[in-house]
Amino acid sequence: DHFDHSHPRMGLSIFILVSFQVLGGLLRPSKKVKSTLRKTWENIHHLLGVTLFCMGVFQLYTGLSMYGERYGKSTSVYYIVLGVLVLLWGSIILGGSLYKLILHIRGGQKEKITEHGSE
């Protein structure tokens, strides 16, 4: 049976979760008002995105393993490339998150300064 292994089951799970991610993007609450619903949506969207990234890395790893077993080929170079890509994307994601956090902190400081009339 096709779904006897983790690779096809994970692929189906990724497909379903990506569909929810897209649907969530289409139905997202308004950004103008930071409601509890909007904050919850942002947290779920972020968590689901990171989860999908990790699942994708696992999927690539298991796919390379299956390829090597099936065709008797060395996959060492592919694992190195996969590692470099994961580090690159992980750095971009982490860097973007830190940048957003810094902007958020600086924005909060500006609002406090403006409220007290110190600017």
N, C-alpha and C. Protein backbone atom coordinates (compact mmCIF):
# COMPACT_ATOMS: atom_id res chain seq x y z
N ASP A 1 0.83 -1.19 0.00
CA ASP A 1 0.00 0.00 0.00
C ASP A 1 0.88 1.25 0.00
N HIS A 2 0.44 2.27 -0.68
CA HIS A 2 1.22 3.49 -0.85
C HIS A 2 1.51 4.19 0.48
N PHE A 3 0.58 4.16 1.41
CA PHE A 3 0.74 4.89 2.66
C PHE A 3 1.29 4.03 3.80
N ASP A 4 2.06 3.00 3.47
CA ASP A 4 2.67 2.15 4.49
C ASP A 4 3.91 2.79 5.12
N HIS A 5 4.48 3.80 4.49
CA HIS A 5 5.71 4.42 4.97
C HIS A 5 5.43 5.86 5.42
N SER A 6 6.37 6.40 6.19
CA SER A 6 6.19 7.75 6.72
C SER A 6 6.25 8.82 5.63
N HIS A 7 7.03 8.58 4.58
CA HIS A 7 7.20 9.60 3.54
C HIS A 7 5.88 9.98 2.85
N PRO A 8 5.11 9.03 2.35
CA PRO A 8 3.84 9.43 1.71
C PRO A 8 2.82 9.99 2.70
N ARG A 9 2.81 9.47 3.93
CA ARG A 9 1.88 10.01 4.94
C ARG A 9 2.24 11.45 5.28
N MET A 10 3.54 11.71 5.41
CA MET A 10 3.99 13.07 5.70
C MET A 10 3.66 13.98 4.53
N GLY A 11 3.82 13.50 3.31
CA GLY A 11 3.48 14.29 2.13
C GLY A 11 2.02 14.68 2.12
N LEU A 12 1.15 13.75 2.46
CA LEU A 12 -0.29 14.04 2.53
C LEU A 12 -0.57 15.05 3.64
N SER A 13 0.07 14.87 4.78
CA SER A 13 -0.11 15.82 5.90
C SER A 13 0.33 17.22 5.50
N ILE A 14 1.46 17.31 4.82
CA ILE A 14 1.95 18.62 4.36
C ILE A 14 0.95 19.25 3.40
N PHE A 15 0.44 18.46 2.48
CA PHE A 15 -0.54 18.97 1.51
C PHE A 15 -1.77 19.53 2.23
N ILE A 16 -2.27 18.79 3.21
CA ILE A 16 -3.46 19.24 3.95
C ILE A 16 -3.16 20.51 4.74
N LEU A 17 -2.02 20.54 5.45
CA LEU A 17 -1.68 21.72 6.25
C LEU A 17 -1.41 22.94 5.38
N VAL A 18 -0.77 22.75 4.23
CA VAL A 18 -0.56 23.88 3.31
C VAL A 18 -1.90 24.41 2.82
N SER A 19 -2.84 23.52 2.57
CA SER A 19 -4.19 23.95 2.16
C SER A 19 -4.84 24.80 3.25
N PHE A 20 -4.69 24.38 4.51
CA PHE A 20 -5.22 25.19 5.62
C PHE A 20 -4.50 26.53 5.72
N GLN A 21 -3.20 26.54 5.48
CA GLN A 21 -2.42 27.78 5.54
C GLN A 21 -2.92 28.76 4.48
N VAL A 22 -3.16 28.27 3.28
CA VAL A 22 -3.66 29.13 2.19
C VAL A 22 -5.07 29.61 2.51
N LEU A 23 -5.92 28.71 2.97
CA LEU A 23 -7.29 29.07 3.33
C LEU A 23 -7.29 30.10 4.46
N GLY A 24 -6.41 29.90 5.44
CA GLY A 24 -6.28 30.87 6.53
C GLY A 24 -5.84 32.23 6.02
N GLY A 25 -4.96 32.24 5.03
CA GLY A 25 -4.52 33.51 4.45
C GLY A 25 -5.66 34.23 3.74
N LEU A 26 -6.52 33.47 3.10
CA LEU A 26 -7.66 34.08 2.40
C LEU A 26 -8.72 34.59 3.37
N LEU A 27 -8.85 33.95 4.52
CA LEU A 27 -9.89 34.30 5.48
C LEU A 27 -9.35 35.07 6.69
N ARG A 28 -8.14 35.59 6.61
CA ARG A 28 -7.53 36.23 7.78
C ARG A 28 -8.32 37.45 8.25
N PRO A 29 -8.31 37.67 9.55
CA PRO A 29 -8.99 38.85 10.11
C PRO A 29 -8.28 40.14 9.69
N SER A 30 -8.99 41.24 9.76
CA SER A 30 -8.46 42.54 9.37
C SER A 30 -7.21 42.89 10.17
N LYS A 31 -6.24 43.48 9.48
CA LYS A 31 -4.99 43.89 10.12
C LYS A 31 -5.14 45.25 10.80
N LYS A 32 -6.16 46.01 10.40
CA LYS A 32 -6.35 47.36 10.93
C LYS A 32 -6.57 47.37 12.43
N VAL A 33 -7.34 46.39 12.92
CA VAL A 33 -7.63 46.30 14.34
C VAL A 33 -6.95 45.05 14.88
N LYS A 34 -6.08 45.22 15.89
CA LYS A 34 -5.37 44.08 16.47
C LYS A 34 -6.27 43.38 17.49
N SER A 35 -7.28 42.71 16.99
CA SER A 35 -8.22 41.99 17.85
C SER A 35 -7.56 40.71 18.37
N THR A 36 -8.21 40.09 19.35
CA THR A 36 -7.73 38.81 19.86
C THR A 36 -7.74 37.77 18.74
N LEU A 37 -8.76 37.84 17.90
CA LEU A 37 -8.85 36.92 16.77
C LEU A 37 -7.66 37.09 15.84
N ARG A 38 -7.28 38.34 15.55
CA ARG A 38 -6.15 38.61 14.66
C ARG A 38 -4.84 38.11 15.28
N LYS A 39 -4.64 38.37 16.57
CA LYS A 39 -3.42 37.92 17.24
C LYS A 39 -3.34 36.40 17.26
N THR A 40 -4.47 35.75 17.52
CA THR A 40 -4.52 34.29 17.51
C THR A 40 -4.20 33.77 16.11
N TRP A 41 -4.79 34.40 15.09
CA TRP A 41 -4.53 34.00 13.71
C TRP A 41 -3.04 34.13 13.39
N GLU A 42 -2.41 35.25 13.79
CA GLU A 42 -0.99 35.46 13.51
C GLU A 42 -0.13 34.39 14.16
N ASN A 43 -0.45 34.05 15.42
CA ASN A 43 0.32 33.01 16.12
C ASN A 43 0.17 31.65 15.45
N ILE A 44 -1.05 31.30 15.09
CA ILE A 44 -1.29 30.01 14.43
C ILE A 44 -0.61 29.98 13.07
N HIS A 45 -0.70 31.08 12.32
CA HIS A 45 -0.09 31.17 11.00
C HIS A 45 1.43 30.99 11.10
N HIS A 46 2.03 31.65 12.07
CA HIS A 46 3.48 31.55 12.27
C HIS A 46 3.87 30.13 12.68
N LEU A 47 3.16 29.58 13.65
CA LEU A 47 3.46 28.22 14.13
C LEU A 47 3.30 27.19 13.02
N LEU A 48 2.24 27.33 12.25
CA LEU A 48 2.00 26.40 11.15
C LEU A 48 3.09 26.53 10.08
N GLY A 49 3.53 27.75 9.81
CA GLY A 49 4.60 27.96 8.83
C GLY A 49 5.90 27.30 9.26
N VAL A 50 6.27 27.47 10.52
CA VAL A 50 7.50 26.84 11.03
C VAL A 50 7.36 25.32 11.03
N THR A 51 6.18 24.84 11.42
CA THR A 51 5.93 23.39 11.42
C THR A 51 6.05 22.82 10.01
N LEU A 52 5.47 23.52 9.03
CA LEU A 52 5.55 23.06 7.65
C LEU A 52 6.99 23.06 7.14
N PHE A 53 7.76 24.06 7.54
CA PHE A 53 9.18 24.11 7.16
C PHE A 53 9.91 22.87 7.69
N CYS A 54 9.70 22.56 8.97
CA CYS A 54 10.35 21.39 9.58
C CYS A 54 9.88 20.09 8.93
N MET A 55 8.59 20.01 8.66
CA MET A 55 8.06 18.81 7.99
C MET A 55 8.65 18.67 6.60
N GLY A 56 8.83 19.78 5.91
CA GLY A 56 9.43 19.75 4.57
C GLY A 56 10.87 19.25 4.60
N VAL A 57 11.63 19.69 5.61
CA VAL A 57 13.01 19.22 5.75
C VAL A 57 13.02 17.71 6.00
N PHE A 58 12.15 17.25 6.89
CA PHE A 58 12.04 15.81 7.15
C PHE A 58 11.67 15.07 5.87
N GLN A 59 10.76 15.63 5.12
CA GLN A 59 10.30 15.01 3.87
C GLN A 59 11.46 14.89 2.87
N LEU A 60 12.25 15.94 2.77
CA LEU A 60 13.42 15.89 1.88
C LEU A 60 14.41 14.83 2.33
N TYR A 61 14.66 14.77 3.63
CA TYR A 61 15.59 13.78 4.17
C TYR A 61 15.12 12.36 3.89
N THR A 62 13.86 12.07 4.18
CA THR A 62 13.35 10.71 3.94
C THR A 62 13.30 10.39 2.45
N GLY A 63 12.99 11.39 1.64
CA GLY A 63 12.96 11.17 0.19
C GLY A 63 14.34 10.84 -0.35
N LEU A 64 15.36 11.55 0.15
CA LEU A 64 16.73 11.24 -0.28
C LEU A 64 17.15 9.85 0.17
N SER A 65 16.76 9.47 1.38
CA SER A 65 17.07 8.12 1.87
C SER A 65 16.43 7.06 0.99
N MET A 66 15.17 7.27 0.65
CA MET A 66 14.46 6.31 -0.21
C MET A 66 15.10 6.24 -1.59
N TYR A 67 15.51 7.39 -2.11
CA TYR A 67 16.16 7.43 -3.42
C TYR A 67 17.46 6.62 -3.40
N GLY A 68 18.26 6.85 -2.35
CA GLY A 68 19.53 6.12 -2.23
C GLY A 68 19.32 4.62 -2.13
N GLU A 69 18.31 4.20 -1.35
CA GLU A 69 18.02 2.77 -1.19
C GLU A 69 17.50 2.16 -2.49
N ARG A 70 16.61 2.87 -3.15
CA ARG A 70 15.99 2.32 -4.35
C ARG A 70 16.98 2.17 -5.50
N TYR A 71 17.81 3.19 -5.70
CA TYR A 71 18.69 3.18 -6.86
C TYR A 71 20.15 2.85 -6.52
N GLY A 72 20.43 2.60 -5.24
CA GLY A 72 21.78 2.23 -4.84
C GLY A 72 22.81 3.32 -5.10
N LYS A 73 22.39 4.56 -5.02
CA LYS A 73 23.30 5.67 -5.30
C LYS A 73 23.65 6.39 -4.00
N SER A 74 24.82 7.00 -4.00
CA SER A 74 25.24 7.80 -2.85
C SER A 74 24.47 9.12 -2.84
N THR A 75 24.00 9.48 -1.68
CA THR A 75 23.24 10.73 -1.55
C THR A 75 23.98 11.74 -0.67
N SER A 76 25.26 11.50 -0.41
CA SER A 76 26.04 12.37 0.48
C SER A 76 26.02 13.82 0.02
N VAL A 77 26.24 14.04 -1.27
CA VAL A 77 26.26 15.41 -1.79
C VAL A 77 24.89 16.07 -1.60
N TYR A 78 23.84 15.31 -1.80
CA TYR A 78 22.49 15.85 -1.63
C TYR A 78 22.23 16.24 -0.17
N TYR A 79 22.74 15.43 0.76
CA TYR A 79 22.57 15.76 2.18
C TYR A 79 23.33 17.04 2.53
N ILE A 80 24.50 17.22 1.95
CA ILE A 80 25.26 18.44 2.19
C ILE A 80 24.49 19.65 1.65
N VAL A 81 23.98 19.52 0.43
CA VAL A 81 23.20 20.61 -0.17
C VAL A 81 21.96 20.88 0.67
N LEU A 82 21.29 19.82 1.12
CA LEU A 82 20.11 19.98 1.98
C LEU A 82 20.48 20.71 3.27
N GLY A 83 21.59 20.33 3.87
CA GLY A 83 22.04 21.00 5.10
C GLY A 83 22.31 22.47 4.88
N VAL A 84 22.98 22.80 3.78
CA VAL A 84 23.27 24.21 3.47
C VAL A 84 21.97 24.98 3.24
N LEU A 85 21.04 24.39 2.50
CA LEU A 85 19.76 25.06 2.24
C LEU A 85 18.96 25.27 3.53
N VAL A 86 18.97 24.27 4.40
CA VAL A 86 18.26 24.40 5.68
C VAL A 86 18.88 25.52 6.51
N LEU A 87 20.21 25.56 6.57
CA LEU A 87 20.88 26.64 7.30
C LEU A 87 20.57 28.00 6.70
N LEU A 88 20.58 28.08 5.37
CA LEU A 88 20.29 29.34 4.69
C LEU A 88 18.87 29.80 4.98
N TRP A 89 17.89 28.92 4.74
CA TRP A 89 16.49 29.29 4.99
C TRP A 89 16.23 29.55 6.47
N GLY A 90 16.82 28.73 7.32
CA GLY A 90 16.67 28.95 8.76
C GLY A 90 17.21 30.30 9.17
N SER A 91 18.35 30.69 8.60
CA SER A 91 18.94 32.00 8.90
C SER A 91 18.05 33.13 8.40
N ILE A 92 17.49 32.96 7.21
CA ILE A 92 16.60 33.98 6.66
C ILE A 92 15.35 34.12 7.54
N ILE A 93 14.77 33.00 7.94
CA ILE A 93 13.57 33.03 8.78
C ILE A 93 13.89 33.64 10.14
N LEU A 94 14.99 33.21 10.75
CA LEU A 94 15.37 33.75 12.05
C LEU A 94 15.71 35.23 11.95
N GLY A 95 16.46 35.59 10.91
CA GLY A 95 16.81 37.00 10.71
C GLY A 95 15.59 37.87 10.51
N GLY A 96 14.64 37.39 9.71
CA GLY A 96 13.40 38.15 9.49
C GLY A 96 12.59 38.29 10.77
N SER A 97 12.55 37.24 11.56
CA SER A 97 11.81 37.29 12.83
C SER A 97 12.47 38.27 13.79
N LEU A 98 13.79 38.24 13.87
CA LEU A 98 14.50 39.18 14.75
C LEU A 98 14.32 40.62 14.28
N TYR A 99 14.38 40.83 12.97
CA TYR A 99 14.18 42.17 12.41
C TYR A 99 12.79 42.70 12.77
N LYS A 100 11.77 41.84 12.63
CA LYS A 100 10.41 42.23 12.98
C LYS A 100 10.30 42.56 14.46
N LEU A 101 10.95 41.76 15.29
CA LEU A 101 10.92 41.98 16.73
C LEU A 101 11.58 43.31 17.09
N ILE A 102 12.71 43.60 16.47
CA ILE A 102 13.40 44.86 16.73
C ILE A 102 12.54 46.04 16.30
N LEU A 103 11.92 45.94 15.12
CA LEU A 103 11.03 47.02 14.68
C LEU A 103 9.86 47.19 15.63
N HIS A 104 9.32 46.08 16.12
CA HIS A 104 8.20 46.14 17.06
C HIS A 104 8.62 46.82 18.36
N ILE A 105 9.81 46.45 18.87
CA ILE A 105 10.30 47.05 20.11
C ILE A 105 10.56 48.53 19.91
N ARG A 106 11.21 48.89 18.82
CA ARG A 106 11.48 50.31 18.54
C ARG A 106 10.20 51.10 18.35
N GLY A 107 9.23 50.50 17.67
CA GLY A 107 7.93 51.15 17.48
C GLY A 107 7.24 51.40 18.80
N GLY A 108 7.32 50.44 19.72
CA GLY A 108 6.73 50.59 21.04
C GLY A 108 7.40 51.68 21.83
N GLN A 109 8.73 51.81 21.68
CA GLN A 109 9.45 52.87 22.37
C GLN A 109 9.06 54.23 21.83
N LYS A 110 8.89 54.35 20.52
CA LYS A 110 8.49 55.63 19.92
C LYS A 110 7.11 56.03 20.41
N GLU A 111 6.20 55.05 20.52
CA GLU A 111 4.85 55.36 20.99
C GLU A 111 4.89 55.86 22.43
N LYS A 112 5.74 55.26 23.28
CA LYS A 112 5.84 55.70 24.67
C LYS A 112 6.41 57.11 24.75
N ILE A 113 7.43 57.39 23.93
CA ILE A 113 8.03 58.73 23.92
C ILE A 113 7.00 59.75 23.47
N THR A 114 6.24 59.44 22.43
CA THR A 114 5.23 60.35 21.91
C THR A 114 4.13 60.59 22.95
N GLU A 115 3.72 59.54 23.66
CA GLU A 115 2.67 59.67 24.67
C GLU A 115 3.09 60.62 25.79
N HIS A 116 4.36 60.62 26.16
CA HIS A 116 4.84 61.45 27.26
C HIS A 116 5.31 62.82 26.78
N GLY A 117 5.27 63.06 25.49
CA GLY A 117 5.63 64.35 24.93
C GLY A 117 7.11 64.65 24.99
N SER A 118 7.94 63.64 25.04
CA SER A 118 9.38 63.83 25.15
C SER A 118 10.08 63.93 23.81
N GLU A 119 9.35 63.85 22.75
CA GLU A 119 9.99 63.82 21.44
C GLU A 119 10.22 65.17 20.86
